[in-house]
Every structure is written in structure tokens, then in C-alpha cells.
Amino acid sequence: MDSIGSLRQKFVSDLSSIYDQDEALSLFQIAAEHLLGYSRIQLSMKLQDKLSEDQETNFNLLLQQLQTGRPIQQIIGKAPFYGMEFIVSEDTLIPRPETEELVQLIISENKRKSDLDIIDIGTGTGCIAISLKKGLAESHVSAVDISPEAIAIAKQNAQQNGCPVDFRCLDILEWNLVFDQEQYDIIVSNPPYITHDEKRDMHRNVLHFEPHMALFVEDSAPLLFYDHIASFALKHLKKEGTLYFEINQYLSEETKELLIKKGFAKVDILHDINSVPRMIRASYF
């Protein structure tokens, strides 16, 4: 049987046409944690250990799937986000670390408030809504998505993480047919914003395995969802409330201008940890 160290090198070699060395090593770490229960430190101390035949078979089966470009989160059926574990499938986007920064921003700016009404639009796995419920426990959080499959996954995640969220399956582009007098302190969304022109720069594990409906917009209307959600906010955001978006970094100024034209008095572009324009915060005051 191979040692853990030699199997790790096999991962790097066999995945070299898809991932660079650091990415392949990270994938092996995730695989080792999933299959063996080893933390990063534990793994570094056990590289000489031999695997059982079953363990080696499980690693090789996982490696074969990785070689197709399938994301490891879909292979193992879960992904970490904001200190919790989320079920993922091909019907949901895999939660991204950048989105954790949006969640942290909202929690840090609203943690002294209570009884907040929050809605997450385009919830996917429910990672934003559930994390906000965890961080702002006294708030009432609801979330919507057009995909019934995504809503089913999000409900499982809410139950698994002990964070009650009111989920609804609907098309936010038809919000005026669905919502009545609901008012929210916080409206948040990470909507589809990637143009088809940007596809050429994307990894195949995203293009082939994640839901295009949750990723892409037509080049002719790249701000379609921001436009509709901003209109929704004009009617359903409380006067002292705040609208938060994750945004396309290449359209940050255009998104800001859209919100200003809609009538928001204060619109701020916010950068992520890598100094990329990643979020927008907008309010009436």
C-alpha cells in the first residue's frame, strides 16, 4: 500500500493538467480530512503512514472524479462557510470565501440591532441567510430562490445548522407579482453577474459543474438582477434600512451609478481582502 505522502504526490502529478501544485495540495488536504479525519497539522505528521487497501481505493476514486474537473465540494457533498458546513449539489453554487466577507460586513454593521427583518435574494445553499441568522440571532431571516432544488438544499442546511430561515421558491424578476407590504431592514443578494464574455477566463470546474442560471447574465444586460432587486428595495426596504450586494468587480462603477439613478442617497463600493471591488452598500440616508 502507498504511504500518505506518496499518494499526495500522485494527486499533484495526476491533477497537474487542471490545477497548479498549491491547488492540488489543497484538494488533497480536503480529501484527507474527509476520508481520514485528519487536520492539516495531523496530515503533515502522518505522511509516512501506510493506508489500508480500502482507504487507498477511496482516495483513488475521489482522484478520478477530480480529474474530470468536478469540484471536490460536489464530490464529497459539502463545503465550509462561515464556520459551518453546508450541503452542496450541482443545483447550487459552491459557497465562496469572498461571500463570507459580505456576511461579516453585514453582521458587524448590524450586531447592535435587534428584531431585524432580513431577506436574502438568490439564496442557493442558503449560506448567506443561514450565516446571518447565526450572527444576528434575534433577526427574522427569509430567503428566496428560483430553483426548487436549491431551496430544498437550503432548507436542509438551515435545519442541519440550527438556524431557522423562511425559504420561498420564486422568481425575483417577478417580485411585483409576489410581494405585498413586506418591509425589510436588510436586503442582501449575490445575484448572477458573470457575463458570457468572462467565460473564457473561468475554470472548467465552474463552467461544467455549477448551475449556469446562478452564474451568468446576458452580455446585453449584465446588471439585470441589480436593476430588479434595486427596484424591489425601493418599495420594500425600510427608510433606515440597507441594501447589500456582492458585485462583478469589472462593473462596480456601473452598479454604483445604477443605484444612484434609482434614488439611493448613499452608495459605497467596498473591497475584499484582496483589494478587489466586491461589495456595494446602499441606503436612503
Foldseek 3Di string as FASTA:
>chain_A
DAFQQVLLVVQQVLCVVADHNVVSNVLSQVVCCLLPVDHPVRSVVRRRPDDDPVSVVSSVVLSVVVSVVADSCQVSQWDDAPNDIAGAHQAFDHDDPQVNVVLVVVLVVPVVDAAFEEEEEQCQLVRSQQSNCVSRVRYAYEYEHQDPVSQVRNVVRCVVVVRDYHYDHDDLLPVVVPDDQAAGQEYEYAAAQDEPVCVVVDRVNCVPRHDVNRHYDYPVCRCVVLLSVLVVCVRHYPQNHKYKYFHDLVCQVVSQVSNVVSQFPDKDFDATPVRGRTMIMTHND
